[in-house]
Amino acid sequence: MFFDNNILYNFLYRIREKGITVPVLPGIMPVTNKKQIARIG
């Protein structure tokens, strides 16, 4: 999971540059309660 899409776009650029060409599915986590934040961090 990530919460800033720019992190993913930068990651995709870097891995493609290194020859990793397989599809990449972004993992999105809808945070629906405050307790999840502590676990995520």
Full PDB file with SEQRES, HELIX, SHEET, SSBOND, CRYST1, ORIGX, SCALE, CONECT and MASTER records, all heavy atoms in Angstrom:
SEQRES   1 A   41  MET PHE PHE ASP ASN ASN ILE LEU TYR ASN PHE LEU TYR          
SEQRES   2 A   41  ARG ILE ARG GLU LYS GLY ILE THR VAL PRO VAL LEU PRO          
SEQRES   3 A   41  GLY ILE MET PRO VAL THR ASN LYS LYS GLN ILE ALA ARG          
SEQRES   4 A   41  ILE GLY                                                      
HELIX    1 AA1 ASN A    5  GLU A   17  1                                  13    
HELIX    2 AA2 LYS A   35  ILE A   40  1                                   6    
CRYST1    1.000    1.000    1.000  90.00  90.00  90.00 P 1           1          
ORIGX1      1.000000  0.000000  0.000000        0.00000                         
ORIGX2      0.000000  1.000000  0.000000        0.00000                         
ORIGX3      0.000000  0.000000  1.000000        0.00000                         
SCALE1      1.000000  0.000000  0.000000        0.00000                         
SCALE2      0.000000  1.000000  0.000000        0.00000                         
SCALE3      0.000000  0.000000  1.000000        0.00000                         
ATOM      1  N   MET A   1       0.826  -1.211   0.000  1.00  0.00           N  
ATOM      2  CA  MET A   1       0.000   0.000   0.000  1.00  0.00           C  
ATOM      3  C   MET A   1       0.861   1.262   0.000  1.00  0.00           C  
ATOM      4  O   MET A   1       1.996   1.272   0.500  1.00  0.00           O  
ATOM      5  CB  MET A   1      -0.905   0.005   1.230  1.00  0.00           C  
ATOM      6  CG  MET A   1      -0.172   0.233   2.532  1.00  0.00           C  
ATOM      7  SD  MET A   1      -1.210   0.023   3.975  1.00  0.00           S  
ATOM      8  CE  MET A   1      -1.226  -1.762   4.112  1.00  0.00           C  
ATOM      9  N   PHE A   2       0.342   2.312  -0.588  1.00  0.00           N  
ATOM     10  CA  PHE A   2       0.984   3.631  -0.570  1.00  0.00           C  
ATOM     11  C   PHE A   2      -0.128   4.663  -0.620  1.00  0.00           C  
ATOM     12  O   PHE A   2      -1.263   4.376  -1.027  1.00  0.00           O  
ATOM     13  CB  PHE A   2       1.946   3.796  -1.757  1.00  0.00           C  
ATOM     14  CG  PHE A   2       1.269   3.598  -3.093  1.00  0.00           C  
ATOM     15  CD1 PHE A   2       0.715   4.672  -3.782  1.00  0.00           C  
ATOM     16  CD2 PHE A   2       1.162   2.337  -3.668  1.00  0.00           C  
ATOM     17  CE1 PHE A   2       0.067   4.495  -5.005  1.00  0.00           C  
ATOM     18  CE2 PHE A   2       0.522   2.145  -4.881  1.00  0.00           C  
ATOM     19  CZ  PHE A   2      -0.028   3.225  -5.554  1.00  0.00           C  
ATOM     20  N   PHE A   3       0.176   5.891  -0.212  1.00  0.00           N  
ATOM     21  CA  PHE A   3      -0.855   6.930  -0.111  1.00  0.00           C  
ATOM     22  C   PHE A   3      -0.526   8.176  -0.925  1.00  0.00           C  
ATOM     23  O   PHE A   3      -1.257   9.159  -0.862  1.00  0.00           O  
ATOM     24  CB  PHE A   3      -1.093   7.286   1.358  1.00  0.00           C  
ATOM     25  CG  PHE A   3      -1.622   6.127   2.152  1.00  0.00           C  
ATOM     26  CD1 PHE A   3      -0.763   5.283   2.840  1.00  0.00           C  
ATOM     27  CD2 PHE A   3      -2.974   5.840   2.172  1.00  0.00           C  
ATOM     28  CE1 PHE A   3      -1.249   4.193   3.549  1.00  0.00           C  
ATOM     29  CE2 PHE A   3      -3.470   4.757   2.873  1.00  0.00           C  
ATOM     30  CZ  PHE A   3      -2.605   3.927   3.568  1.00  0.00           C  
ATOM     31  N   ASP A   4       0.553   8.098  -1.672  1.00  0.00           N  
ATOM     32  CA  ASP A   4       0.946   9.191  -2.570  1.00  0.00           C  
ATOM     33  C   ASP A   4       1.268   8.565  -3.917  1.00  0.00           C  
ATOM     34  O   ASP A   4       2.246   7.830  -4.049  1.00  0.00           O  
ATOM     35  CB  ASP A   4       2.162   9.930  -1.993  1.00  0.00           C  
ATOM     36  CG  ASP A   4       2.638  11.077  -2.871  1.00  0.00           C  
ATOM     37  OD1 ASP A   4       2.153  11.207  -4.027  1.00  0.00           O  
ATOM     38  OD2 ASP A   4       3.490  11.851  -2.412  1.00  0.00           O  
ATOM     39  N   ASN A   5       0.451   8.843  -4.928  1.00  0.00           N  
ATOM     40  CA  ASN A   5       0.646   8.195  -6.226  1.00  0.00           C  
ATOM     41  C   ASN A   5       1.964   8.535  -6.878  1.00  0.00           C  
ATOM     42  O   ASN A   5       2.487   7.764  -7.686  1.00  0.00           O  
ATOM     43  CB  ASN A   5      -0.501   8.562  -7.169  1.00  0.00           C  
ATOM     44  CG  ASN A   5      -1.799   7.857  -6.828  1.00  0.00           C  
ATOM     45  OD1 ASN A   5      -1.864   7.098  -5.873  1.00  0.00           O  
ATOM     46  ND2 ASN A   5      -2.836   8.114  -7.605  1.00  0.00           N  
ATOM     47  N   ASN A   6       2.537   9.672  -6.540  1.00  0.00           N  
ATOM     48  CA  ASN A   6       3.838  10.035  -7.118  1.00  0.00           C  
ATOM     49  C   ASN A   6       4.921   9.029  -6.728  1.00  0.00           C  
ATOM     50  O   ASN A   6       5.878   8.824  -7.481  1.00  0.00           O  
ATOM     51  CB  ASN A   6       4.247  11.445  -6.683  1.00  0.00           C  
ATOM     52  CG  ASN A   6       3.417  12.513  -7.360  1.00  0.00           C  
ATOM     53  OD1 ASN A   6       3.067  12.387  -8.535  1.00  0.00           O  
ATOM     54  ND2 ASN A   6       3.074  13.568  -6.641  1.00  0.00           N  
ATOM     55  N   ILE A   7       4.757   8.404  -5.567  1.00  0.00           N  
ATOM     56  CA  ILE A   7       5.695   7.361  -5.147  1.00  0.00           C  
ATOM     57  C   ILE A   7       5.643   6.200  -6.131  1.00  0.00           C  
ATOM     58  O   ILE A   7       6.683   5.663  -6.540  1.00  0.00           O  
ATOM     59  CB  ILE A   7       5.375   6.892  -3.716  1.00  0.00           C  
ATOM     60  CG1 ILE A   7       5.718   8.002  -2.718  1.00  0.00           C  
ATOM     61  CG2 ILE A   7       6.116   5.613  -3.368  1.00  0.00           C  
ATOM     62  CD1 ILE A   7       5.249   7.721  -1.301  1.00  0.00           C  
ATOM     63  N   LEU A   8       4.439   5.819  -6.535  1.00  0.00           N  
ATOM     64  CA  LEU A   8       4.306   4.722  -7.504  1.00  0.00           C  
ATOM     65  C   LEU A   8       4.872   5.117  -8.857  1.00  0.00           C  
ATOM     66  O   LEU A   8       5.616   4.334  -9.468  1.00  0.00           O  
ATOM     67  CB  LEU A   8       2.846   4.310  -7.672  1.00  0.00           C  
ATOM     68  CG  LEU A   8       2.669   3.223  -8.731  1.00  0.00           C  
ATOM     69  CD1 LEU A   8       3.042   1.861  -8.178  1.00  0.00           C  
ATOM     70  CD2 LEU A   8       1.271   3.196  -9.310  1.00  0.00           C  
ATOM     71  N   TYR A   9       4.551   6.301  -9.341  1.00  0.00           N  
ATOM     72  CA  TYR A   9       5.014   6.707 -10.670  1.00  0.00           C  
ATOM     73  C   TYR A   9       6.542   6.726 -10.720  1.00  0.00           C  
ATOM     74  O   TYR A   9       7.146   6.284 -11.704  1.00  0.00           O  
ATOM     75  CB  TYR A   9       4.456   8.083 -11.030  1.00  0.00           C  
ATOM     76  CG  TYR A   9       2.945   8.132 -11.084  1.00  0.00           C  
ATOM     77  CD1 TYR A   9       2.235   9.236 -10.606  1.00  0.00           C  
ATOM     78  CD2 TYR A   9       2.203   7.075 -11.609  1.00  0.00           C  
ATOM     79  CE1 TYR A   9       0.850   9.281 -10.641  1.00  0.00           C  
ATOM     80  CE2 TYR A   9       0.818   7.108 -11.655  1.00  0.00           C  
ATOM     81  CZ  TYR A   9       0.145   8.215 -11.166  1.00  0.00           C  
ATOM     82  OH  TYR A   9      -1.226   8.256 -11.208  1.00  0.00           O  
ATOM     83  N   ASN A  10       7.171   7.206  -9.657  1.00  0.00           N  
ATOM     84  CA  ASN A  10       8.630   7.221  -9.595  1.00  0.00           C  
ATOM     85  C   ASN A  10       9.190   5.797  -9.564  1.00  0.00           C  
ATOM     86  O   ASN A  10      10.180   5.483 -10.238  1.00  0.00           O  
ATOM     87  CB  ASN A  10       9.081   7.998  -8.359  1.00  0.00           C  
ATOM     88  CG  ASN A  10      10.592   8.071  -8.221  1.00  0.00           C  
ATOM     89  OD1 ASN A  10      11.191   7.260  -7.521  1.00  0.00           O  
ATOM     90  ND2 ASN A  10      11.200   9.028  -8.887  1.00  0.00           N  
ATOM     91  N   PHE A  11       8.530   4.928  -8.795  1.00  0.00           N  
ATOM     92  CA  PHE A  11       8.944   3.520  -8.704  1.00  0.00           C  
ATOM     93  C   PHE A  11       8.852   2.839 -10.061  1.00  0.00           C  
ATOM     94  O   PHE A  11       9.781   2.123 -10.477  1.00  0.00           O  
ATOM     95  CB  PHE A  11       8.061   2.815  -7.683  1.00  0.00           C  
ATOM     96  CG  PHE A  11       8.273   1.334  -7.577  1.00  0.00           C  
ATOM     97  CD1 PHE A  11       9.407   0.810  -6.992  1.00  0.00           C  
ATOM     98  CD2 PHE A  11       7.302   0.453  -8.048  1.00  0.00           C  
ATOM     99  CE1 PHE A  11       9.596  -0.559  -6.871  1.00  0.00           C  
ATOM    100  CE2 PHE A  11       7.474  -0.923  -7.940  1.00  0.00           C  
ATOM    101  CZ  PHE A  11       8.621  -1.424  -7.347  1.00  0.00           C  
ATOM    102  N   LEU A  12       7.752   3.056 -10.779  1.00  0.00           N  
ATOM    103  CA  LEU A  12       7.584   2.430 -12.097  1.00  0.00           C  
ATOM    104  C   LEU A  12       8.675   2.886 -13.056  1.00  0.00           C  
ATOM    105  O   LEU A  12       9.214   2.086 -13.830  1.00  0.00           O  
ATOM    106  CB  LEU A  12       6.203   2.766 -12.663  1.00  0.00           C  
ATOM    107  CG  LEU A  12       5.005   2.118 -11.963  1.00  0.00           C  
ATOM    108  CD1 LEU A  12       3.696   2.623 -12.562  1.00  0.00           C  
ATOM    109  CD2 LEU A  12       5.066   0.602 -12.032  1.00  0.00           C  
ATOM    110  N   TYR A  13       9.010   4.156 -13.014  1.00  0.00           N  
ATOM    111  CA  TYR A  13      10.084   4.666 -13.883  1.00  0.00           C  
ATOM    112  C   TYR A  13      11.399   3.950 -13.565  1.00  0.00           C  
ATOM    113  O   TYR A  13      12.128   3.518 -14.474  1.00  0.00           O  
ATOM    114  CB  TYR A  13      10.234   6.172 -13.692  1.00  0.00           C  
ATOM    115  CG  TYR A  13      11.404   6.755 -14.435  1.00  0.00           C  
ATOM    116  CD1 TYR A  13      11.316   7.048 -15.798  1.00  0.00           C  
ATOM    117  CD2 TYR A  13      12.618   6.994 -13.784  1.00  0.00           C  
ATOM    118  CE1 TYR A  13      12.409   7.569 -16.489  1.00  0.00           C  
ATOM    119  CE2 TYR A  13      13.705   7.517 -14.467  1.00  0.00           C  
ATOM    120  CZ  TYR A  13      13.600   7.807 -15.819  1.00  0.00           C  
ATOM    121  OH  TYR A  13      14.680   8.319 -16.497  1.00  0.00           O  
ATOM    122  N   ARG A  14      11.709   3.816 -12.274  1.00  0.00           N  
ATOM    123  CA  ARG A  14      12.993   3.230 -11.874  1.00  0.00           C  
ATOM    124  C   ARG A  14      13.070   1.745 -12.220  1.00  0.00           C  
ATOM    125  O   ARG A  14      14.115   1.261 -12.682  1.00  0.00           O  
ATOM    126  CB  ARG A  14      13.225   3.441 -10.373  1.00  0.00           C  
ATOM    127  CG  ARG A  14      13.560   4.896 -10.028  1.00  0.00           C  
ATOM    128  CD  ARG A  14      13.919   5.086  -8.574  1.00  0.00           C  
ATOM    129  NE  ARG A  14      12.755   5.001  -7.702  1.00  0.00           N  
ATOM    130  CZ  ARG A  14      12.552   4.060  -6.798  1.00  0.00           C  
ATOM    131  NH1 ARG A  14      13.453   3.099  -6.634  1.00  0.00           N  
ATOM    132  NH2 ARG A  14      11.486   4.050  -6.035  1.00  0.00           N  
ATOM    133  N   ILE A  15      11.986   0.986 -12.025  1.00  0.00           N  
ATOM    134  CA  ILE A  15      12.074  -0.449 -12.311  1.00  0.00           C  
ATOM    135  C   ILE A  15      12.064  -0.716 -13.810  1.00  0.00           C  
ATOM    136  O   ILE A  15      12.734  -1.642 -14.273  1.00  0.00           O  
ATOM    137  CB  ILE A  15      10.966  -1.253 -11.597  1.00  0.00           C  
ATOM    138  CG1 ILE A  15       9.573  -0.915 -12.127  1.00  0.00           C  
ATOM    139  CG2 ILE A  15      11.052  -1.069 -10.091  1.00  0.00           C  
ATOM    140  CD1 ILE A  15       8.492  -1.863 -11.626  1.00  0.00           C  
ATOM    141  N   ARG A  16      11.323   0.084 -14.585  1.00  0.00           N  
ATOM    142  CA  ARG A  16      11.348  -0.103 -16.044  1.00  0.00           C  
ATOM    143  C   ARG A  16      12.742   0.184 -16.578  1.00  0.00           C  
ATOM    144  O   ARG A  16      13.222  -0.497 -17.501  1.00  0.00           O  
ATOM    145  CB  ARG A  16      10.330   0.815 -16.720  1.00  0.00           C  
ATOM    146  CG  ARG A  16       8.867   0.611 -16.331  1.00  0.00           C  
ATOM    147  CD  ARG A  16       8.408  -0.830 -16.387  1.00  0.00           C  
ATOM    148  NE  ARG A  16       6.967  -0.957 -16.189  1.00  0.00           N  
ATOM    149  CZ  ARG A  16       6.377  -2.037 -15.680  1.00  0.00           C  
ATOM    150  NH1 ARG A  16       7.108  -3.076 -15.302  1.00  0.00           N  
ATOM    151  NH2 ARG A  16       5.064  -2.085 -15.544  1.00  0.00           N  
ATOM    152  N   GLU A  17      13.392   1.175 -15.996  1.00  0.00           N  
ATOM    153  CA  GLU A  17      14.752   1.523 -16.408  1.00  0.00           C  
ATOM    154  C   GLU A  17      15.721   0.361 -16.166  1.00  0.00           C  
ATOM    155  O   GLU A  17      16.714   0.203 -16.885  1.00  0.00           O  
ATOM    156  CB  GLU A  17      15.205   2.758 -15.629  1.00  0.00           C  
ATOM    157  CG  GLU A  17      16.470   3.408 -16.148  1.00  0.00           C  
ATOM    158  CD  GLU A  17      16.818   4.675 -15.369  1.00  0.00           C  
ATOM    159  OE1 GLU A  17      16.764   4.644 -14.122  1.00  0.00           O  
ATOM    160  OE2 GLU A  17      17.137   5.680 -16.013  1.00  0.00           O  
ATOM    161  N   LYS A  18      15.415  -0.478 -15.171  1.00  0.00           N  
ATOM    162  CA  LYS A  18      16.267  -1.623 -14.839  1.00  0.00           C  
ATOM    163  C   LYS A  18      15.798  -2.917 -15.506  1.00  0.00           C  
ATOM    164  O   LYS A  18      16.291  -4.004 -15.185  1.00  0.00           O  
ATOM    165  CB  LYS A  18      16.319  -1.820 -13.322  1.00  0.00           C  
ATOM    166  CG  LYS A  18      16.956  -0.648 -12.576  1.00  0.00           C  
ATOM    167  CD  LYS A  18      18.383  -0.400 -13.013  1.00  0.00           C  
ATOM    168  CE  LYS A  18      19.014   0.754 -12.247  1.00  0.00           C  
ATOM    169  NZ  LYS A  18      20.404   1.041 -12.704  1.00  0.00           N  
ATOM    170  N   GLY A  19      14.841  -2.811 -16.427  1.00  0.00           N  
ATOM    171  CA  GLY A  19      14.445  -3.973 -17.207  1.00  0.00           C  
ATOM    172  C   GLY A  19      13.353  -4.831 -16.613  1.00  0.00           C  
ATOM    173  O   GLY A  19      13.126  -5.958 -17.077  1.00  0.00           O  
ATOM    174  N   ILE A  20      12.641  -4.325 -15.610  1.00  0.00           N  
ATOM    175  CA  ILE A  20      11.499  -5.061 -15.043  1.00  0.00           C  
ATOM    176  C   ILE A  20      10.265  -4.635 -15.806  1.00  0.00           C  
ATOM    177  O   ILE A  20       9.780  -3.510 -15.655  1.00  0.00           O  
ATOM    178  CB  ILE A  20      11.351  -4.774 -13.534  1.00  0.00           C  
ATOM    179  CG1 ILE A  20      12.609  -5.218 -12.786  1.00  0.00           C  
ATOM    180  CG2 ILE A  20      10.111  -5.474 -12.978  1.00  0.00           C  
ATOM    181  CD1 ILE A  20      12.640  -4.815 -11.324  1.00  0.00           C  
ATOM    182  N   THR A  21       9.746  -5.525 -16.642  1.00  0.00           N  
ATOM    183  CA  THR A  21       8.687  -5.144 -17.579  1.00  0.00           C  
ATOM    184  C   THR A  21       7.344  -5.812 -17.294  1.00  0.00           C  
ATOM    185  O   THR A  21       6.372  -5.541 -18.001  1.00  0.00           O  
ATOM    186  CB  THR A  21       9.116  -5.486 -19.017  1.00  0.00           C  
ATOM    187  OG1 THR A  21       9.362  -6.896 -19.112  1.00  0.00           O  
ATOM    188  CG2 THR A  21      10.382  -4.725 -19.403  1.00  0.00           C  
ATOM    189  N   VAL A  22       7.258  -6.674 -16.285  1.00  0.00           N  
ATOM    190  CA  VAL A  22       5.990  -7.341 -15.995  1.00  0.00           C  
ATOM    191  C   VAL A  22       4.972  -6.323 -15.491  1.00  0.00           C  
ATOM    192  O   VAL A  22       5.346  -5.262 -14.970  1.00  0.00           O  
ATOM    193  CB  VAL A  22       6.168  -8.468 -14.958  1.00  0.00           C  
ATOM    194  CG1 VAL A  22       7.076  -9.560 -15.497  1.00  0.00           C  
ATOM    195  CG2 VAL A  22       6.681  -7.911 -13.629  1.00  0.00           C  
ATOM    196  N   PRO A  23       3.661  -6.608 -15.637  1.00  0.00           N  
ATOM    197  CA  PRO A  23       2.640  -5.685 -15.118  1.00  0.00           C  
ATOM    198  C   PRO A  23       2.771  -5.480 -13.608  1.00  0.00           C  
ATOM    199  O   PRO A  23       3.139  -6.402 -12.876  1.00  0.00           O  
ATOM    200  CB  PRO A  23       1.328  -6.388 -15.457  1.00  0.00           C  
ATOM    201  CG  PRO A  23       1.657  -7.323 -16.572  1.00  0.00           C  
ATOM    202  CD  PRO A  23       3.069  -7.764 -16.333  1.00  0.00           C  
ATOM    203  N   VAL A  24       2.466  -4.271 -13.172  1.00  0.00           N  
ATOM    204  CA  VAL A  24       2.502  -3.918 -11.751  1.00  0.00           C  
ATOM    205  C   VAL A  24       1.114  -3.432 -11.328  1.00  0.00           C  
ATOM    206  O   VAL A  24       0.599  -2.472 -11.895  1.00  0.00           O  
ATOM    207  CB  VAL A  24       3.546  -2.830 -11.461  1.00  0.00           C  
ATOM    208  CG1 VAL A  24       3.504  -2.421  -9.983  1.00  0.00           C  
ATOM    209  CG2 VAL A  24       4.944  -3.307 -11.842  1.00  0.00           C  
ATOM    210  N   LEU A  25       0.522  -4.109 -10.347  1.00  0.00           N  
ATOM    211  CA  LEU A  25      -0.770  -3.693  -9.815  1.00  0.00           C  
ATOM    212  C   LEU A  25      -0.547  -2.849  -8.564  1.00  0.00           C  
ATOM    213  O   LEU A  25       0.040  -3.336  -7.592  1.00  0.00           O  
ATOM    214  CB  LEU A  25      -1.641  -4.895  -9.440  1.00  0.00           C  
ATOM    215  CG  LEU A  25      -2.355  -5.640 -10.557  1.00  0.00           C  
ATOM    216  CD1 LEU A  25      -1.369  -6.503 -11.332  1.00  0.00           C  
ATOM    217  CD2 LEU A  25      -3.481  -6.478 -10.008  1.00  0.00           C  
ATOM    218  N   PRO A  26      -1.018  -1.590  -8.564  1.00  0.00           N  
ATOM    219  CA  PRO A  26      -0.919  -0.788  -7.349  1.00  0.00           C  
ATOM    220  C   PRO A  26      -1.842  -1.343  -6.268  1.00  0.00           C  
ATOM    221  O   PRO A  26      -2.987  -1.710  -6.560  1.00  0.00           O  
ATOM    222  CB  PRO A  26      -1.399   0.601  -7.796  1.00  0.00           C  
ATOM    223  CG  PRO A  26      -1.435   0.566  -9.278  1.00  0.00           C  
ATOM    224  CD  PRO A  26      -1.621  -0.857  -9.673  1.00  0.00           C  
ATOM    225  N   GLY A  27      -1.352  -1.409  -5.048  1.00  0.00           N  
ATOM    226  CA  GLY A  27      -2.172  -1.843  -3.923  1.00  0.00           C  
ATOM    227  C   GLY A  27      -2.699  -0.636  -3.162  1.00  0.00           C  
ATOM    228  O   GLY A  27      -1.922   0.133  -2.603  1.00  0.00           O  
ATOM    229  N   ILE A  28      -4.019  -0.470  -3.148  1.00  0.00           N  
ATOM    230  CA  ILE A  28      -4.644   0.688  -2.517  1.00  0.00           C  
ATOM    231  C   ILE A  28      -5.408   0.245  -1.269  1.00  0.00           C  
ATOM    232  O   ILE A  28      -6.215  -0.684  -1.327  1.00  0.00           O  
ATOM    233  CB  ILE A  28      -5.604   1.403  -3.493  1.00  0.00           C  
ATOM    234  CG1 ILE A  28      -4.839   1.900  -4.723  1.00  0.00           C  
ATOM    235  CG2 ILE A  28      -6.332   2.551  -2.804  1.00  0.00           C  
ATOM    236  CD1 ILE A  28      -3.771   2.941  -4.429  1.00  0.00           C  
ATOM    237  N   MET A  29      -5.152   0.931  -0.164  1.00  0.00           N  
ATOM    238  CA  MET A  29      -5.809   0.614   1.093  1.00  0.00           C  
ATOM    239  C   MET A  29      -6.766   1.740   1.495  1.00  0.00           C  
ATOM    240  O   MET A  29      -6.313   2.843   1.825  1.00  0.00           O  
ATOM    241  CB  MET A  29      -4.762   0.424   2.205  1.00  0.00           C  
ATOM    242  CG  MET A  29      -5.336   0.410   3.616  1.00  0.00           C  
ATOM    243  SD  MET A  29      -6.226  -1.092   4.009  1.00  0.00           S  
ATOM    244  CE  MET A  29      -4.857  -2.143   4.493  1.00  0.00           C  
ATOM    245  N   PRO A  30      -8.080   1.506   1.437  1.00  0.00           N  
ATOM    246  CA  PRO A  30      -9.013   2.496   1.980  1.00  0.00           C  
ATOM    247  C   PRO A  30      -8.947   2.463   3.513  1.00  0.00           C  
ATOM    248  O   PRO A  30      -9.332   1.467   4.132  1.00  0.00           O  
ATOM    249  CB  PRO A  30     -10.381   2.027   1.476  1.00  0.00           C  
ATOM    250  CG  PRO A  30     -10.105   0.978   0.438  1.00  0.00           C  
ATOM    251  CD  PRO A  30      -8.792   0.377   0.820  1.00  0.00           C  
ATOM    252  N   VAL A  31      -8.417   3.508   4.107  1.00  0.00           N  
ATOM    253  CA  VAL A  31      -8.299   3.566   5.561  1.00  0.00           C  
ATOM    254  C   VAL A  31      -9.624   4.061   6.133  1.00  0.00           C  
ATOM    255  O   VAL A  31     -10.018   5.202   5.904  1.00  0.00           O  
ATOM    256  CB  VAL A  31      -7.145   4.483   5.995  1.00  0.00           C  
ATOM    257  CG1 VAL A  31      -7.104   4.619   7.515  1.00  0.00           C  
ATOM    258  CG2 VAL A  31      -5.818   3.921   5.488  1.00  0.00           C  
ATOM    259  N   THR A  32     -10.310   3.201   6.863  1.00  0.00           N  
ATOM    260  CA  THR A  32     -11.655   3.532   7.315  1.00  0.00           C  
ATOM    261  C   THR A  32     -11.770   3.690   8.825  1.00  0.00           C  
ATOM    262  O   THR A  32     -12.842   3.983   9.328  1.00  0.00           O  
ATOM    263  CB  THR A  32     -12.649   2.446   6.853  1.00  0.00           C  
ATOM    264  OG1 THR A  32     -12.213   1.165   7.337  1.00  0.00           O  
ATOM    265  CG2 THR A  32     -12.724   2.410   5.326  1.00  0.00           C  
ATOM    266  N   ASN A  33     -10.659   3.500   9.554  1.00  0.00           N  
ATOM    267  CA  ASN A  33     -10.684   3.796  10.984  1.00  0.00           C  
ATOM    268  C   ASN A  33      -9.287   4.177  11.463  1.00  0.00           C  
ATOM    269  O   ASN A  33      -8.279   3.809  10.864  1.00  0.00           O  
ATOM    270  CB  ASN A  33     -11.252   2.630  11.802  1.00  0.00           C  
ATOM    271  CG  ASN A  33     -10.355   1.411  11.792  1.00  0.00           C  
ATOM    272  OD1 ASN A  33      -9.312   1.384  12.437  1.00  0.00           O  
ATOM    273  ND2 ASN A  33     -10.740   0.387  11.040  1.00  0.00           N  
ATOM    274  N   LYS A  34      -9.261   4.924  12.534  1.00  0.00           N  
ATOM    275  CA  LYS A  34      -8.017   5.520  13.029  1.00  0.00           C  
ATOM    276  C   LYS A  34      -6.997   4.470  13.467  1.00  0.00           C  
ATOM    277  O   LYS A  34      -5.784   4.674  13.344  1.00  0.00           O  
ATOM    278  CB  LYS A  34      -8.349   6.452  14.199  1.00  0.00           C  
ATOM    279  CG  LYS A  34      -7.272   7.438  14.573  1.00  0.00           C  
ATOM    280  CD  LYS A  34      -7.783   8.404  15.623  1.00  0.00           C  
ATOM    281  CE  LYS A  34      -6.750   9.457  15.960  1.00  0.00           C  
ATOM    282  NZ  LYS A  34      -7.290  10.427  16.954  1.00  0.00           N  
ATOM    283  N   LYS A  35      -7.465   3.321  13.953  1.00  0.00           N  
ATOM    284  CA  LYS A  35      -6.560   2.292  14.453  1.00  0.00           C  
ATOM    285  C   LYS A  35      -5.669   1.726  13.355  1.00  0.00           C  
ATOM    286  O   LYS A  35      -4.564   1.254  13.629  1.00  0.00           O  
ATOM    287  CB  LYS A  35      -7.359   1.166  15.106  1.00  0.00           C  
ATOM    288  CG  LYS A  35      -8.049   1.557  16.402  1.00  0.00           C  
ATOM    289  CD  LYS A  35      -8.805   0.380  16.989  1.00  0.00           C  
ATOM    290  CE  LYS A  35      -9.507   0.760  18.286  1.00  0.00           C  
ATOM    291  NZ  LYS A  35     -10.273  -0.388  18.849  1.00  0.00           N  
ATOM    292  N   GLN A  36      -6.162   1.760  12.113  1.00  0.00           N  
ATOM    293  CA  GLN A  36      -5.363   1.224  11.009  1.00  0.00           C  
ATOM    294  C   GLN A  36      -4.065   2.004  10.821  1.00  0.00           C  
ATOM    295  O   GLN A  36      -3.071   1.444  10.362  1.00  0.00           O  
ATOM    296  CB  GLN A  36      -6.165   1.269   9.704  1.00  0.00           C  
ATOM    297  CG  GLN A  36      -7.289   0.248   9.610  1.00  0.00           C  
ATOM    298  CD  GLN A  36      -8.087   0.419   8.333  1.00  0.00           C  
ATOM    299  OE1 GLN A  36      -9.012   1.216   8.272  1.00  0.00           O  
ATOM    300  NE2 GLN A  36      -7.711  -0.324   7.313  1.00  0.00           N  
ATOM    301  N   ILE A  37      -4.072   3.287  11.158  1.00  0.00           N  
ATOM    302  CA  ILE A  37      -2.910   4.135  10.902  1.00  0.00           C  
ATOM    303  C   ILE A  37      -1.691   3.640  11.661  1.00  0.00           C  
ATOM    304  O   ILE A  37      -0.593   3.525  11.111  1.00  0.00           O  
ATOM    305  CB  ILE A  37      -3.207   5.603  11.288  1.00  0.00           C  
ATOM    306  CG1 ILE A  37      -4.455   6.109  10.559  1.00  0.00           C  
ATOM    307  CG2 ILE A  37      -2.009   6.485  10.975  1.00  0.00           C  
ATOM    308  CD1 ILE A  37      -4.366   6.059   9.068  1.00  0.00           C  
ATOM    309  N   ALA A  38      -1.873   3.324  12.942  1.00  0.00           N  
ATOM    310  CA  ALA A  38      -0.748   2.852  13.752  1.00  0.00           C  
ATOM    311  C   ALA A  38      -0.202   1.543  13.206  1.00  0.00           C  
ATOM    312  O   ALA A  38       1.019   1.333  13.135  1.00  0.00           O  
ATOM    313  CB  ALA A  38      -1.180   2.686  15.201  1.00  0.00           C  
ATOM    314  N   ARG A  39      -1.089   0.627  12.785  1.00  0.00           N  
ATOM    315  CA  ARG A  39      -0.640  -0.660  12.234  1.00  0.00           C  
ATOM    316  C   ARG A  39       0.123  -0.467  10.935  1.00  0.00           C  
ATOM    317  O   ARG A  39       1.138  -1.113  10.688  1.00  0.00           O  
ATOM    318  CB  ARG A  39      -1.843  -1.579  12.014  1.00  0.00           C  
ATOM    319  CG  ARG A  39      -2.497  -2.068  13.285  1.00  0.00           C  
ATOM    320  CD  ARG A  39      -3.341  -3.308  13.038  1.00  0.00           C  
ATOM    321  NE  ARG A  39      -4.442  -3.031  12.136  1.00  0.00           N  
ATOM    322  CZ  ARG A  39      -5.646  -2.622  12.515  1.00  0.00           C  
ATOM    323  NH1 ARG A  39      -5.893  -2.430  13.809  1.00  0.00           N  
ATOM    324  NH2 ARG A  39      -6.601  -2.414  11.634  1.00  0.00           N  
ATOM    325  N   ILE A  40      -0.379   0.445  10.095  1.00  0.00           N  
ATOM    326  CA  ILE A  40       0.269   0.700   8.808  1.00  0.00           C  
ATOM    327  C   ILE A  40       1.688   1.209   9.011  1.00  0.00           C  
ATOM    328  O   ILE A  40       2.644   0.721   8.406  1.00  0.00           O  
ATOM    329  CB  ILE A  40      -0.560   1.706   7.982  1.00  0.00           C  
ATOM    330  CG1 ILE A  40      -1.855   1.056   7.498  1.00  0.00           C  
ATOM    331  CG2 ILE A  40       0.247   2.230   6.794  1.00  0.00           C  
ATOM    332  CD1 ILE A  40      -2.866   2.027   6.944  1.00  0.00           C  
ATOM    333  N   GLY A  41       1.837   2.186   9.887  1.00  0.00           N  
ATOM    334  CA  GLY A  41       3.163   2.748  10.135  1.00  0.00           C  
ATOM    335  C   GLY A  41       4.105   1.748  10.764  1.00  0.00           C  
ATOM    336  O   GLY A  41       5.280   1.668  10.415  1.00  0.00           O  
TER     337      GLY A  41                                                      
MASTER        0    0    0    2    0    0    0    6  336    1    0    4          
END                                                                             
